[in-house]
C-alpha atoms as a PDB file:
ATOM      1  CA  MET A   1     -52.803  35.142  17.390  1.00  0.00           C
ATOM      2  CA  LEU A   2     -49.074  35.722  17.519  1.00  0.00           C
ATOM      3  CA  ARG A   3     -48.516  31.946  17.781  1.00  0.00           C
ATOM      4  CA  LYS A   4     -50.615  31.335  14.630  1.00  0.00           C
ATOM      5  CA  LEU A   5     -48.646  33.977  12.756  1.00  0.00           C
ATOM      6  CA  VAL A   6     -45.272  32.466  13.742  1.00  0.00           C
ATOM      7  CA  VAL A   7     -46.402  28.929  12.806  1.00  0.00           C
ATOM      8  CA  GLY A   8     -47.817  30.230   9.503  1.00  0.00           C
ATOM      9  CA  LEU A   9     -44.571  31.983   8.642  1.00  0.00           C
ATOM     10  CA  ALA A  10     -42.519  28.875   9.546  1.00  0.00           C
ATOM     11  CA  VAL A  11     -44.693  26.648   7.292  1.00  0.00           C
ATOM     12  CA  ALA A  12     -44.483  29.157   4.398  1.00  0.00           C
ATOM     13  CA  ALA A  13     -40.668  29.403   4.827  1.00  0.00           C
ATOM     14  CA  LEU A  14     -40.340  25.612   4.484  1.00  0.00           C
ATOM     15  CA  GLY A  15     -42.472  25.612   1.350  1.00  0.00           C
ATOM     16  CA  VAL A  16     -44.855  23.093   2.931  1.00  0.00           C
ATOM     17  CA  GLY A  17     -47.930  25.254   2.255  1.00  0.00           C
ATOM     18  CA  ALA A  18     -47.086  25.485  -1.460  1.00  0.00           C
ATOM     19  CA  ALA A  19     -46.667  21.727  -1.832  1.00  0.00           C
ATOM     20  CA  HIS A  20     -50.106  20.910  -0.404  1.00  0.00           C
ATOM     21  CA  ALA A  21     -52.991  22.148  -2.533  1.00  0.00           C
ATOM     22  CA  GLN A  22     -55.715  20.249  -0.756  1.00  0.00           C
ATOM     23  CA  THR A  23     -59.010  21.886   0.070  1.00  0.00           C
ATOM     24  CA  ASN A  24     -61.628  20.959   2.581  1.00  0.00           C
ATOM     25  CA  GLY A  25     -65.316  20.820   1.749  1.00  0.00           C
ATOM     26  CA  THR A  26     -67.882  23.038   3.441  1.00  0.00           C
ATOM     27  CA  PHE A  27     -71.006  21.959   5.317  1.00  0.00           C
ATOM     28  CA  GLY A  28     -74.037  21.494   3.101  1.00  0.00           C
ATOM     29  CA  SER A  29     -76.172  18.861   1.374  1.00  0.00           C
ATOM     30  CA  THR A  30     -72.986  17.845  -0.449  1.00  0.00           C
ATOM     31  CA  SER A  31     -69.372  18.529   0.364  1.00  0.00           C
ATOM     32  CA  THR A  32     -66.398  18.307  -1.957  1.00  0.00           C
ATOM     33  CA  GLY A  33     -62.750  18.504  -1.056  1.00  0.00           C
ATOM     34  CA  SER A  34     -59.722  18.107  -3.297  1.00  0.00           C
ATOM     35  CA  PHE A  35     -56.057  17.172  -3.093  1.00  0.00           C
ATOM     36  CA  THR A  36     -53.098  17.022  -5.464  1.00  0.00           C
ATOM     37  CA  LEU A  37     -51.713  13.619  -6.379  1.00  0.00           C
ATOM     38  CA  ASN A  38     -48.139  13.372  -7.591  1.00  0.00           C
ATOM     39  CA  ALA A  39     -46.143  10.369  -8.810  1.00  0.00           C
ATOM     40  CA  THR A  40     -42.586   9.979 -10.042  1.00  0.00           C
ATOM     41  CA  VAL A  41     -41.636   7.006 -12.222  1.00  0.00           C
ATOM     42  CA  ASP A  42     -37.883   6.333 -12.097  1.00  0.00           C
ATOM     43  CA  PRO A  43     -36.084   5.587 -15.369  1.00  0.00           C
ATOM     44  CA  VAL A  44     -35.350   1.842 -15.450  1.00  0.00           C
ATOM     45  CA  VAL A  45     -34.090  -0.803 -17.838  1.00  0.00           C
ATOM     46  CA  ARG A  46     -34.152  -4.643 -17.681  1.00  0.00           C
ATOM     47  CA  VAL A  47     -32.482  -7.388 -19.719  1.00  0.00           C
ATOM     48  CA  SER A  48     -34.255 -10.749 -19.865  1.00  0.00           C
ATOM     49  CA  GLY A  49     -34.567 -13.793 -22.092  1.00  0.00           C
ATOM     50  CA  LEU A  50     -30.809 -14.451 -22.600  1.00  0.00           C
ATOM     51  CA  ASN A  51     -29.861 -17.996 -23.614  1.00  0.00           C
ATOM     52  CA  ASN A  52     -26.766 -20.152 -23.157  1.00  0.00           C
ATOM     53  CA  LEU A  53     -25.062 -20.986 -26.458  1.00  0.00           C
ATOM     54  CA  ASN A  54     -23.139 -24.176 -27.189  1.00  0.00           C
ATOM     55  CA  PHE A  55     -20.981 -24.455 -30.311  1.00  0.00           C
ATOM     56  CA  SER A  56     -19.950 -27.860 -31.627  1.00  0.00           C
ATOM     57  CA  ILE A  57     -17.282 -27.109 -34.208  1.00  0.00           C
ATOM     58  CA  GLY A  58     -16.134 -30.015 -36.328  1.00  0.00           C
ATOM     59  CA  ALA A  59     -15.410 -31.206 -39.821  1.00  0.00           C
ATOM     60  CA  ALA A  60     -18.808 -30.213 -41.162  1.00  0.00           C
ATOM     61  CA  PHE A  61     -18.091 -26.514 -40.542  1.00  0.00           C
ATOM     62  CA  LEU A  62     -14.438 -26.740 -41.583  1.00  0.00           C
ATOM     63  CA  ASN A  63     -15.276 -28.507 -44.862  1.00  0.00           C
ATOM     64  CA  GLY A  64     -17.806 -25.769 -45.663  1.00  0.00           C
ATOM     65  CA  THR A  65     -17.141 -22.340 -47.074  1.00  0.00           C
ATOM     66  CA  SER A  66     -18.600 -20.096 -44.373  1.00  0.00           C
ATOM     67  CA  PRO A  67     -16.052 -17.692 -42.878  1.00  0.00           C
ATOM     68  CA  ASN A  68     -17.778 -17.743 -39.478  1.00  0.00           C
ATOM     69  CA  ILE A  69     -19.847 -20.055 -37.362  1.00  0.00           C
ATOM     70  CA  ASN A  70     -22.485 -18.125 -35.479  1.00  0.00           C
ATOM     71  CA  GLN A  71     -25.501 -18.600 -33.260  1.00  0.00           C
ATOM     72  CA  ARG A  72     -28.216 -16.054 -32.485  1.00  0.00           C
ATOM     73  CA  PHE A  73     -31.183 -15.591 -30.211  1.00  0.00           C
ATOM     74  CA  ASP A  74     -33.717 -12.867 -29.527  1.00  0.00           C
ATOM     75  CA  TYR A  75     -33.972 -11.351 -26.074  1.00  0.00           C
ATOM     76  CA  CYS A  76     -35.791  -8.552 -24.301  1.00  0.00           C
ATOM     77  CA  VAL A  77     -34.623  -5.131 -23.210  1.00  0.00           C
ATOM     78  CA  TYR A  78     -37.258  -3.148 -21.362  1.00  0.00           C
ATOM     79  CA  SER A  79     -36.736   0.563 -21.010  1.00  0.00           C
ATOM     80  CA  ASN A  80     -39.186   3.253 -19.981  1.00  0.00           C
ATOM     81  CA  ILE A  81     -37.066   6.079 -21.342  1.00  0.00           C
ATOM     82  CA  SER A  82     -39.498   7.852 -23.692  1.00  0.00           C
ATOM     83  CA  ASP A  83     -41.795   6.201 -26.239  1.00  0.00           C
ATOM     84  CA  LEU A  84     -38.742   4.792 -27.981  1.00  0.00           C
ATOM     85  CA  GLY A  85     -37.515   3.003 -24.867  1.00  0.00           C
ATOM     86  CA  SER A  86     -33.935   4.268 -25.369  1.00  0.00           C
ATOM     87  CA  TYR A  87     -31.043   2.708 -23.510  1.00  0.00           C
ATOM     88  CA  ARG A  88     -27.298   2.203 -23.630  1.00  0.00           C
ATOM     89  CA  LEU A  89     -25.955  -1.325 -24.146  1.00  0.00           C
ATOM     90  CA  ALA A  90     -22.549  -2.775 -23.417  1.00  0.00           C
ATOM     91  CA  VAL A  91     -21.173  -6.299 -23.498  1.00  0.00           C
ATOM     92  CA  GLY A  92     -18.552  -7.589 -21.047  1.00  0.00           C
ATOM     93  CA  GLY A  93     -16.251 -10.505 -20.768  1.00  0.00           C
ATOM     94  CA  THR A  94     -12.532 -11.185 -21.269  1.00  0.00           C
ATOM     95  CA  PRO A  95     -11.258  -8.764 -23.925  1.00  0.00           C
ATOM     96  CA  GLY A  96      -9.182 -10.033 -26.845  1.00  0.00           C
ATOM     97  CA  PRO A  97      -5.479  -9.135 -27.022  1.00  0.00           C
ATOM     98  CA  ALA A  98      -6.013  -6.083 -29.290  1.00  0.00           C
ATOM     99  CA  VAL A  99      -8.816  -3.799 -28.114  1.00  0.00           C
ATOM    100  CA  SER A 100      -9.288  -2.477 -31.660  1.00  0.00           C
ATOM    101  CA  SER A 101     -10.150  -6.034 -32.867  1.00  0.00           C
ATOM    102  CA  ASN A 102     -13.522  -6.016 -31.009  1.00  0.00           C
ATOM    103  CA  ALA A 103     -12.790  -9.649 -30.085  1.00  0.00           C
ATOM    104  CA  TRP A 104     -13.608 -11.333 -26.785  1.00  0.00           C
ATOM    105  CA  LEU A 105     -11.910 -14.501 -25.489  1.00  0.00           C
ATOM    106  CA  MET A 106     -13.168 -17.868 -24.356  1.00  0.00           C
ATOM    107  CA  ALA A 107     -10.754 -19.647 -22.025  1.00  0.00           C
ATOM    108  CA  GLY A 108      -9.568 -23.158 -22.762  1.00  0.00           C
ATOM    109  CA  THR A 109      -7.080 -25.415 -21.048  1.00  0.00           C
ATOM    110  CA  GLY A 110      -4.002 -23.649 -19.735  1.00  0.00           C
ATOM    111  CA  PRO A 111      -3.145 -20.629 -21.884  1.00  0.00           C
ATOM    112  CA  ASP A 112      -5.444 -21.617 -24.752  1.00  0.00           C
ATOM    113  CA  THR A 113      -8.085 -19.110 -25.836  1.00  0.00           C
ATOM    114  CA  LEU A 114     -10.594 -18.859 -28.631  1.00  0.00           C
ATOM    115  CA  PRO A 115     -11.770 -15.448 -29.862  1.00  0.00           C
ATOM    116  CA  TYR A 116     -15.424 -14.649 -30.523  1.00  0.00           C
ATOM    117  CA  PHE A 117     -17.437 -11.618 -31.587  1.00  0.00           C
ATOM    118  CA  VAL A 118     -20.787 -10.271 -30.341  1.00  0.00           C
ATOM    119  CA  ASN A 119     -23.348  -8.197 -32.322  1.00  0.00           C
ATOM    120  CA  SER A 120     -26.549  -6.689 -30.999  1.00  0.00           C
ATOM    121  CA  ASP A 121     -29.449  -5.529 -33.214  1.00  0.00           C
ATOM    122  CA  ASP A 122     -32.601  -3.743 -32.087  1.00  0.00           C
ATOM    123  CA  GLY A 123     -34.229  -3.825 -35.545  1.00  0.00           C
ATOM    124  CA  THR A 124     -32.881  -0.377 -36.431  1.00  0.00           C
ATOM    125  CA  THR A 125     -29.317  -0.367 -35.113  1.00  0.00           C
ATOM    126  CA  ASP A 126     -26.901  -3.272 -35.589  1.00  0.00           C
ATOM    127  CA  ARG A 127     -23.586  -2.950 -33.772  1.00  0.00           C
ATOM    128  CA  GLN A 128     -20.598  -5.167 -33.126  1.00  0.00           C
ATOM    129  CA  MET A 129     -20.055  -4.920 -29.381  1.00  0.00           C
ATOM    130  CA  GLY A 130     -16.356  -4.956 -28.574  1.00  0.00           C
ATOM    131  CA  PRO A 131     -14.506  -4.255 -25.327  1.00  0.00           C
ATOM    132  CA  GLY A 132     -15.185  -0.707 -24.121  1.00  0.00           C
ATOM    133  CA  ASP A 133     -18.028  -0.184 -26.560  1.00  0.00           C
ATOM    134  CA  THR A 134     -21.346   1.346 -25.420  1.00  0.00           C
ATOM    135  CA  PHE A 135     -24.011   2.066 -28.053  1.00  0.00           C
ATOM    136  CA  GLN A 136     -27.490   3.589 -27.865  1.00  0.00           C
ATOM    137  CA  PHE A 137     -30.404   1.321 -28.808  1.00  0.00           C
ATOM    138  CA  ALA A 138     -34.181   1.531 -28.487  1.00  0.00           C
ATOM    139  CA  SER A 139     -36.609  -1.098 -27.179  1.00  0.00           C
ATOM    140  CA  ALA A 140     -39.071   0.108 -29.785  1.00  0.00           C
ATOM    141  CA  GLY A 141     -36.450  -0.355 -32.568  1.00  0.00           C
ATOM    142  CA  ASN A 142     -38.582  -2.898 -34.429  1.00  0.00           C
ATOM    143  CA  GLY A 143     -42.033  -1.480 -33.636  1.00  0.00           C
ATOM    144  CA  THR A 144     -43.651  -0.748 -30.335  1.00  0.00           C
ATOM    145  CA  ARG A 145     -41.918  -0.247 -26.989  1.00  0.00           C
ATOM    146  CA  PRO A 146     -42.839  -3.104 -24.627  1.00  0.00           C
ATOM    147  CA  ASP A 147     -45.097  -2.269 -21.686  1.00  0.00           C
ATOM    148  CA  THR A 148     -44.187  -5.478 -19.859  1.00  0.00           C
ATOM    149  CA  SER A 149     -40.828  -6.242 -18.226  1.00  0.00           C
ATOM    150  CA  ASP A 150     -40.290  -9.375 -20.297  1.00  0.00           C
ATOM    151  CA  CYS A 151     -41.611  -8.184 -23.660  1.00  0.00           C
ATOM    152  CA  ALA A 152     -44.624 -10.516 -23.354  1.00  0.00           C
ATOM    153  CA  ASP A 153     -46.788  -7.870 -25.103  1.00  0.00           C
ATOM    154  CA  THR A 154     -44.448  -7.227 -28.097  1.00  0.00           C
ATOM    155  CA  GLY A 155     -42.127 -10.270 -28.268  1.00  0.00           C
ATOM    156  CA  GLU A 156     -38.365 -10.069 -27.773  1.00  0.00           C
ATOM    157  CA  ASN A 157     -37.063  -6.849 -29.274  1.00  0.00           C
ATOM    158  CA  THR A 158     -33.301  -7.364 -29.602  1.00  0.00           C
ATOM    159  CA  GLU A 159     -31.157  -9.949 -31.346  1.00  0.00           C
ATOM    160  CA  LEU A 160     -27.771 -11.106 -30.128  1.00  0.00           C
ATOM    161  CA  VAL A 161     -25.339 -12.856 -32.448  1.00  0.00           C
ATOM    162  CA  VAL A 162     -22.142 -14.592 -31.355  1.00  0.00           C
ATOM    163  CA  ALA A 163     -19.678 -15.456 -34.100  1.00  0.00           C
ATOM    164  CA  ILE A 164     -16.420 -17.387 -34.130  1.00  0.00           C
ATOM    165  CA  ARG A 165     -14.166 -16.901 -37.202  1.00  0.00           C
ATOM    166  CA  ARG A 166     -12.854 -19.855 -39.261  1.00  0.00           C
ATOM    167  CA  GLN A 167      -9.287 -18.502 -38.994  1.00  0.00           C
ATOM    168  CA  ASP A 168      -9.522 -18.453 -35.170  1.00  0.00           C
ATOM    169  CA  ILE A 169     -10.927 -21.970 -35.110  1.00  0.00           C
ATOM    170  CA  LEU A 170      -8.096 -23.290 -37.299  1.00  0.00           C
ATOM    171  CA  ALA A 171      -5.521 -21.589 -35.015  1.00  0.00           C
ATOM    172  CA  ALA A 172      -7.053 -23.058 -31.815  1.00  0.00           C
ATOM    173  CA  ASN A 173      -6.001 -26.229 -30.099  1.00  0.00           C
ATOM    174  CA  ALA A 174      -8.632 -28.979 -29.779  1.00  0.00           C
ATOM    175  CA  GLY A 175     -10.495 -28.764 -26.503  1.00  0.00           C
ATOM    176  CA  SER A 176     -13.289 -27.085 -24.625  1.00  0.00           C
ATOM    177  CA  TYR A 177     -13.556 -23.312 -24.301  1.00  0.00           C
ATOM    178  CA  THR A 178     -15.858 -21.281 -22.148  1.00  0.00           C
ATOM    179  CA  ALA A 179     -16.759 -17.659 -21.347  1.00  0.00           C
ATOM    180  CA  THR A 180     -19.322 -15.683 -19.417  1.00  0.00           C
ATOM    181  CA  VAL A 181     -20.825 -12.867 -21.483  1.00  0.00           C
ATOM    182  CA  LEU A 182     -22.313  -9.918 -19.643  1.00  0.00           C
ATOM    183  CA  VAL A 183     -25.074  -7.910 -21.360  1.00  0.00           C
ATOM    184  CA  THR A 184     -25.581  -4.608 -19.578  1.00  0.00           C
ATOM    185  CA  ALA A 185     -28.344  -2.098 -20.398  1.00  0.00           C
ATOM    186  CA  SER A 186     -28.345   1.242 -18.682  1.00  0.00           C
ATOM    187  CA  VAL A 187     -30.474   4.359 -18.721  1.00  0.00           C
ATOM    188  CA  LEU A 188     -29.358   7.345 -20.761  1.00  0.00           C
END
């Protein structure tokens, strides 16, 4: 009897008894027992559907009147943070010379660089994503939050635009330029 009392007090002190609400059935023509089922879903985000972009900048653009040449694509950001699918988004790469310019740099031959700009739009919020910027977006910005990790049920929910300004193209030396752009979503 004393042993049962000591064991019972030890279990109660650890809180184990409170965490288990199971019951056992009794003998009879039917018997029913019960238990508590708990699950925890971690907050997660996922970026998918990004595309490589190739700019061919020549006389056709320079003879035109557009101030920028740009390319865009839709991509998916999955987030299970609330019904809105909220998340923080940041872009990374080589920052331009003046942080306040929001420019990023593609590297060319030797010291040559070519600035570019990145915008992200979730259908509600459209932001230019410069060095050090982090903005809040929602994966349900243009309708319904995706319930698949690749937006197969809703379609891509975010647009990315990369732009290169005419003035920067005119200031650049002829040649090839390249950059790796990082798109980072994070939970709130």
